[in-house]
Amino acid sequence: MKDFAGRTAFVTGGAHGVGSGLVRALLAEGCNVAIADIRAGSIQQALKELNSERAMGVQVDVSSREAMARAADEVEAKFGPVSLLFNNAGINLFQTIEESSYDDWDWVMGVNLHGPINGVMTFVPRMVAAGKGGYVVNTASMAALLAAGKPGIYNTTKFALRGMSESLRASLAPHGIGVSVLCPGLVKSYIYASDEIRPDRLKAGAKPVDTVNVKRLAEIHEFGMEPDVIAQRVLEAMRENRFHIFTHPEFRDELRELFDEILQDFRDYPPDAGFEQRTGFEKIRRDGYKQQRKGLRST
């Protein structure tokens, strides 16, 4: 992706955090931008601050396929086809898996995983049909690579989103559509206040909000990276067609240690009965996968 000017972008979670930085950066590049968010008041505030004819607001629940389709139609009616999709909306539930209810799973999965799925299924076929290329950026997290006990469902969604993004990157390359997965660390955002937008229908079994912990998280997030800094690093990565967008360099050594630990879990077992046939097939797959990655890096 070299030229952003004149394209239409759709940014979920666009009124806060990383989304707001992306909106400002895209407008500065000459894009038309749809600010998609579930908070109507936040959308209106963002539009007021931006004061741009190239920005519009769309209130949408990303977990709803029907709502996403309506939003796409609304944006296209005003700005034309969307060719830049940022599946950025996300929430977090700071508790372990065994402490969670099915409603907890449905809520977090609905926004963090089904939201990007709905974004892809809504917009990507339209991008392909338009034949003008484009780009998809899925906001995951360093939690897509580093798992802890506390945000169990969140980790699950982000790991899945990283895998979906890599597969999509390969399948969309022939259409001239790039795909990246954004893996930021701590961001100056309001994700700690996710409970404020939890729908009533998914509150069964929900634990009372830990106001002390929310206050602590609010203080921590004040030290998070500024959304505008992240946005500039995202656009730079898109121009270079990088798959992983690592905005926080402080995680490099931790990832290196993790990958070393993963490799240490392999064992040199003796060949089993089907070893030769199996490894012959795997060589074909491995060579193809290597060639695919090489090709995607050079495009």
Protein backbone atom coordinates (compact mmCIF):
# COMPACT_ATOMS: atom_id res chain seq x y z
CA MET A 1 0.00 0.00 0.00
CA LYS A 2 1.75 3.11 -1.24
CA ASP A 3 -1.03 5.62 -1.83
CA PHE A 4 -3.78 6.27 0.70
CA ALA A 5 -5.20 9.48 -0.79
CA GLY A 6 -8.71 9.22 -2.16
CA ARG A 7 -9.44 5.84 -0.61
CA THR A 8 -12.28 5.18 1.83
CA ALA A 9 -11.40 3.69 5.22
CA PHE A 10 -13.65 1.98 7.76
CA VAL A 11 -12.28 2.03 11.31
CA THR A 12 -14.09 0.11 14.05
CA GLY A 13 -13.58 1.37 17.57
CA GLY A 14 -12.72 4.59 15.77
CA ALA A 15 -13.79 7.07 18.43
CA HIS A 16 -11.30 6.03 21.11
CA GLY A 17 -7.77 4.76 21.62
CA VAL A 18 -5.87 3.33 18.66
CA GLY A 19 -8.91 3.85 16.45
CA SER A 20 -8.92 7.59 17.01
CA GLY A 21 -5.24 7.79 16.10
CA LEU A 22 -5.86 5.82 12.91
CA VAL A 23 -8.73 8.12 11.96
CA ARG A 24 -6.57 11.23 12.33
CA ALA A 25 -3.67 9.70 10.43
CA LEU A 26 -5.88 8.51 7.57
CA LEU A 27 -7.56 11.89 7.22
CA ALA A 28 -4.13 13.50 7.08
CA GLU A 29 -3.29 11.12 4.19
CA GLY A 30 -6.31 12.31 2.23
CA CYS A 31 -8.68 9.41 2.94
CA ASN A 32 -12.40 9.50 3.50
CA VAL A 33 -12.92 7.88 6.89
CA ALA A 34 -15.90 6.22 8.55
CA ILE A 35 -15.66 6.27 12.34
CA ALA A 36 -17.48 3.11 13.41
CA ASP A 37 -18.11 2.82 17.14
CA ILE A 38 -20.76 1.58 19.52
CA ARG A 39 -20.73 4.80 21.55
CA ALA A 40 -22.89 7.38 19.76
CA GLY A 41 -21.78 10.21 22.04
CA SER A 42 -18.12 9.45 21.43
CA ILE A 43 -18.67 9.47 17.67
CA GLN A 44 -20.28 12.88 17.82
CA GLN A 45 -17.46 14.23 19.97
CA ALA A 46 -14.87 12.86 17.56
CA LEU A 47 -16.61 14.40 14.55
CA LYS A 48 -16.82 17.73 16.32
CA GLU A 49 -13.10 17.69 17.11
CA LEU A 50 -12.10 16.58 13.62
CA ASN A 51 -14.39 19.04 11.82
CA SER A 52 -13.76 17.35 8.48
CA GLU A 53 -16.08 16.78 5.53
CA ARG A 54 -14.14 13.60 4.82
CA ALA A 55 -15.15 12.02 8.13
CA MET A 56 -18.49 10.42 8.95
CA GLY A 57 -19.77 8.52 11.95
CA VAL A 58 -21.51 5.16 12.02
CA GLN A 59 -22.87 3.69 15.23
CA VAL A 60 -22.48 -0.06 14.97
CA ASP A 61 -22.22 -3.19 17.09
CA VAL A 62 -19.43 -5.10 15.35
CA SER A 63 -20.67 -8.40 16.75
CA SER A 64 -23.81 -8.09 14.60
CA ARG A 65 -23.54 -9.25 10.98
CA GLU A 66 -26.67 -7.32 10.04
CA ALA A 67 -25.42 -4.12 11.67
CA MET A 68 -22.10 -4.35 9.85
CA ALA A 69 -23.82 -4.85 6.51
CA ARG A 70 -26.02 -1.79 7.11
CA ALA A 71 -22.95 0.23 8.11
CA ALA A 72 -21.13 -0.80 4.93
CA ASP A 73 -24.08 0.28 2.79
CA GLU A 74 -24.28 3.61 4.61
CA VAL A 75 -20.60 4.36 4.14
CA GLU A 76 -20.57 3.34 0.49
CA ALA A 77 -23.59 5.53 -0.20
CA LYS A 78 -21.64 8.57 0.96
CA PHE A 79 -17.99 7.85 0.20
CA GLY A 80 -18.00 4.97 -2.28
CA PRO A 81 -16.36 1.53 -1.89
CA VAL A 82 -14.29 0.84 1.21
CA SER A 83 -10.78 -0.35 0.37
CA LEU A 84 -9.10 0.17 3.76
CA LEU A 85 -10.54 -1.89 6.60
CA PHE A 86 -9.35 -1.55 10.18
CA ASN A 87 -10.91 -4.15 12.46
CA ASN A 88 -9.85 -2.36 15.59
CA ALA A 89 -12.72 -2.52 18.11
CA GLY A 90 -11.86 -4.55 21.19
CA ILE A 91 -12.81 -5.15 24.80
CA ASN A 92 -11.22 -6.95 27.70
CA LEU A 93 -12.47 -8.89 30.68
CA PHE A 94 -9.76 -9.12 33.29
CA GLN A 95 -10.47 -12.54 34.75
CA THR A 96 -9.42 -16.14 34.30
CA ILE A 97 -11.19 -18.66 32.07
CA GLU A 98 -12.40 -20.86 34.93
CA GLU A 99 -13.99 -17.84 36.61
CA SER A 100 -15.90 -16.92 33.47
CA SER A 101 -19.45 -17.63 32.32
CA TYR A 102 -20.77 -18.48 28.86
CA ASP A 103 -22.05 -14.91 28.63
CA ASP A 104 -18.52 -13.70 29.31
CA TRP A 105 -17.31 -15.84 26.41
CA ASP A 106 -20.09 -14.67 24.09
CA TRP A 107 -19.44 -11.02 24.88
CA VAL A 108 -15.65 -10.99 24.44
CA MET A 109 -15.66 -13.40 21.49
CA GLY A 110 -18.47 -11.41 19.88
CA VAL A 111 -16.48 -8.17 19.81
CA ASN A 112 -12.86 -9.33 19.58
CA LEU A 113 -13.16 -12.23 17.16
CA HIS A 114 -16.60 -12.20 15.55
CA GLY A 115 -16.21 -8.44 15.05
CA PRO A 116 -13.18 -8.83 12.76
CA ILE A 117 -14.79 -11.86 11.11
CA ASN A 118 -17.87 -9.74 10.38
CA GLY A 119 -15.67 -6.93 9.08
CA VAL A 120 -13.84 -9.28 6.74
CA MET A 121 -16.97 -11.08 5.54
CA THR A 122 -18.78 -7.78 4.97
CA PHE A 123 -16.08 -5.75 3.24
CA VAL A 124 -13.55 -8.10 1.66
CA PRO A 125 -15.89 -9.57 -0.98
CA ARG A 126 -16.77 -5.99 -1.96
CA MET A 127 -13.06 -5.11 -2.18
CA VAL A 128 -12.38 -8.11 -4.40
CA ALA A 129 -15.35 -7.28 -6.63
CA ALA A 130 -14.22 -3.64 -6.96
CA GLY A 131 -10.83 -4.81 -8.23
CA LYS A 132 -8.92 -1.83 -6.86
CA GLY A 133 -6.88 -3.60 -4.22
CA GLY A 134 -6.89 -2.46 -0.64
CA TYR A 135 -5.70 -3.36 2.82
CA VAL A 136 -7.00 -5.01 5.99
CA VAL A 137 -5.46 -4.35 9.40
CA ASN A 138 -6.70 -6.48 12.29
CA THR A 139 -5.89 -5.15 15.73
CA ALA A 140 -4.73 -7.99 17.93
CA SER A 141 -2.30 -7.35 20.78
CA MET A 142 0.94 -8.65 22.21
CA ALA A 143 -1.59 -10.89 23.96
CA ALA A 144 -1.82 -12.69 20.60
CA LEU A 145 1.64 -14.09 21.37
CA LEU A 146 2.04 -13.83 25.13
CA ALA A 147 -0.60 -15.55 27.24
CA ALA A 148 -1.29 -15.02 30.93
CA GLY A 149 -3.90 -16.45 33.27
CA LYS A 150 -5.88 -13.34 33.95
CA PRO A 151 -7.20 -12.25 30.52
CA GLY A 152 -7.97 -15.80 29.38
CA ILE A 153 -10.79 -15.13 26.93
CA TYR A 154 -9.00 -12.07 25.60
CA ASN A 155 -5.89 -14.17 24.90
CA THR A 156 -8.03 -16.73 23.11
CA THR A 157 -9.55 -14.15 20.77
CA LYS A 158 -6.25 -12.49 19.96
CA PHE A 159 -4.42 -15.75 19.22
CA ALA A 160 -7.26 -16.69 16.86
CA LEU A 161 -7.21 -13.29 15.17
CA ARG A 162 -3.50 -13.61 14.44
CA GLY A 163 -4.06 -16.97 12.74
CA MET A 164 -7.01 -15.68 10.75
CA SER A 165 -4.96 -12.72 9.58
CA GLU A 166 -2.06 -14.84 8.35
CA SER A 167 -4.37 -17.10 6.36
CA LEU A 168 -6.21 -14.10 4.93
CA ARG A 169 -2.94 -12.45 3.94
CA ALA A 170 -2.09 -15.43 1.74
CA SER A 171 -5.51 -15.74 0.13
CA LEU A 172 -5.96 -12.03 -0.60
CA ALA A 173 -2.51 -11.36 -2.06
CA PRO A 174 -3.56 -12.33 -5.61
CA HIS A 175 -6.28 -9.67 -5.39
CA GLY A 176 -3.82 -6.94 -4.48
CA ILE A 177 -5.21 -6.71 -0.95
CA GLY A 178 -2.68 -6.61 1.87
CA VAL A 179 -3.26 -7.87 5.39
CA SER A 180 -1.44 -7.04 8.61
CA VAL A 181 -2.01 -7.89 12.24
CA LEU A 182 -1.39 -5.09 14.72
CA CYS A 183 0.17 -6.26 17.99
CA PRO A 184 0.56 -3.29 20.33
CA GLY A 185 1.54 -3.32 23.97
CA LEU A 186 0.13 -0.86 26.50
CA VAL A 187 -1.91 1.87 24.82
CA LYS A 188 -3.45 5.04 26.16
CA SER A 189 -7.04 3.85 25.79
CA TYR A 190 -10.24 3.10 27.69
CA ILE A 191 -10.25 -0.68 27.28
CA TYR A 192 -10.21 -0.99 31.07
CA ALA A 193 -13.76 0.49 31.03
CA SER A 194 -15.17 -2.20 28.73
CA ASP A 195 -17.92 -3.09 31.21
CA GLU A 196 -19.59 0.25 30.44
CA ILE A 197 -20.65 -1.04 27.02
CA ARG A 198 -21.49 -4.62 27.95
CA PRO A 199 -24.98 -5.42 26.61
CA ASP A 200 -27.65 -6.34 29.14
CA ARG A 201 -28.41 -9.59 27.32
CA LEU A 202 -24.91 -10.85 28.12
CA LYS A 203 -24.69 -9.97 31.79
CA ALA A 204 -25.89 -13.27 33.26
CA GLY A 205 -23.18 -14.64 35.51
CA ALA A 206 -21.12 -11.47 35.22
CA LYS A 207 -19.00 -10.68 38.23
CA PRO A 208 -19.46 -7.29 39.92
CA VAL A 209 -17.16 -4.66 38.45
CA ASP A 210 -14.00 -4.34 40.51
CA THR A 211 -13.91 -0.56 40.76
CA VAL A 212 -10.58 -0.58 42.60
CA ASN A 213 -8.96 -2.58 39.80
CA VAL A 214 -10.57 -0.37 37.14
CA LYS A 215 -9.09 2.70 38.81
CA ARG A 216 -5.68 1.03 38.96
CA LEU A 217 -5.86 0.07 35.28
CA ALA A 218 -6.89 3.61 34.37
CA GLU A 219 -3.74 4.93 36.02
CA ILE A 220 -1.57 2.33 34.25
CA HIS A 221 -3.06 3.13 30.85
CA GLU A 222 -2.07 6.76 31.25
CA PHE A 223 1.48 5.56 30.56
CA GLY A 224 0.37 3.77 27.40
CA MET A 225 1.64 4.71 23.96
CA GLU A 226 -0.19 7.60 22.34
CA PRO A 227 -2.67 6.50 19.62
CA ASP A 228 -1.14 8.94 17.13
CA VAL A 229 2.28 7.31 17.53
CA ILE A 230 0.78 3.87 16.94
CA ALA A 231 -1.15 5.08 13.91
CA GLN A 232 1.97 6.42 12.19
CA ARG A 233 3.73 3.11 12.78
CA VAL A 234 0.74 1.26 11.33
CA LEU A 235 0.76 3.30 8.12
CA GLU A 236 4.51 2.83 7.80
CA ALA A 237 4.09 -0.96 8.11
CA MET A 238 1.30 -0.94 5.53
CA ARG A 239 3.54 0.87 3.07
CA GLU A 240 6.19 -1.81 3.63
CA ASN A 241 3.61 -4.63 3.53
CA ARG A 242 4.76 -6.04 6.87
CA PHE A 243 2.52 -8.72 8.33
CA HIS A 244 3.24 -8.23 12.04
CA ILE A 245 3.02 -4.62 13.16
CA PHE A 246 4.99 -4.48 16.40
CA THR A 247 4.61 -0.90 17.63
CA HIS A 248 6.25 -1.49 21.01
CA PRO A 249 9.95 -2.46 20.56
CA GLU A 250 10.30 -3.29 24.26
CA PHE A 251 8.79 -6.73 23.58
CA ARG A 252 11.52 -7.95 21.21
CA ASP A 253 13.66 -9.78 23.78
CA GLU A 254 10.65 -11.33 25.49
CA LEU A 255 9.44 -12.80 22.20
CA ARG A 256 12.91 -14.14 21.42
CA GLU A 257 12.93 -15.93 24.80
CA LEU A 258 9.45 -17.33 24.16
CA PHE A 259 10.37 -18.69 20.72
CA ASP A 260 13.50 -20.30 22.21
CA GLU A 261 11.36 -21.95 24.89
CA ILE A 262 8.98 -23.28 22.24
CA LEU A 263 11.85 -24.85 20.28
CA GLN A 264 13.20 -26.42 23.45
CA ASP A 265 9.97 -28.41 23.80
CA PHE A 266 10.79 -30.45 20.67
CA ARG A 267 12.35 -33.90 21.19
CA ASP A 268 14.49 -36.02 18.84
CA TYR A 269 12.24 -39.06 18.80
CA PRO A 270 13.28 -42.10 16.74
CA PRO A 271 11.52 -42.43 13.35
CA ASP A 272 8.10 -44.10 13.57
CA ALA A 273 6.53 -46.37 10.94
CA GLY A 274 5.15 -43.60 8.73
CA PHE A 275 8.04 -41.18 9.16
CA GLU A 276 9.48 -41.28 5.63
CA GLN A 277 6.14 -40.88 3.84
CA ARG A 278 4.97 -38.19 6.23
CA THR A 279 8.12 -36.10 6.02
CA GLY A 280 8.04 -36.38 2.24
CA PHE A 281 4.61 -34.81 2.21
CA GLU A 282 5.62 -32.21 4.81
CA LYS A 283 8.58 -31.16 2.67
CA ILE A 284 6.22 -30.29 -0.17
CA ARG A 285 4.01 -28.32 2.20
CA ARG A 286 6.98 -26.65 3.90
CA ASP A 287 8.59 -25.60 0.61
CA GLY A 288 5.27 -24.18 -0.58
CA TYR A 289 4.74 -22.29 2.65
CA LYS A 290 8.29 -20.92 2.51
CA GLN A 291 7.76 -19.75 -1.06
CA GLN A 292 4.45 -18.18 -0.08
CA ARG A 293 6.03 -16.18 2.75
CA LYS A 294 8.85 -15.07 0.49
CA GLY A 295 6.41 -13.91 -2.14
CA LEU A 296 4.27 -12.02 0.35
CA ARG A 297 7.28 -10.20 1.75
CA SER A 298 8.38 -9.05 -1.71
CA THR A 299 4.98 -7.73 -2.86
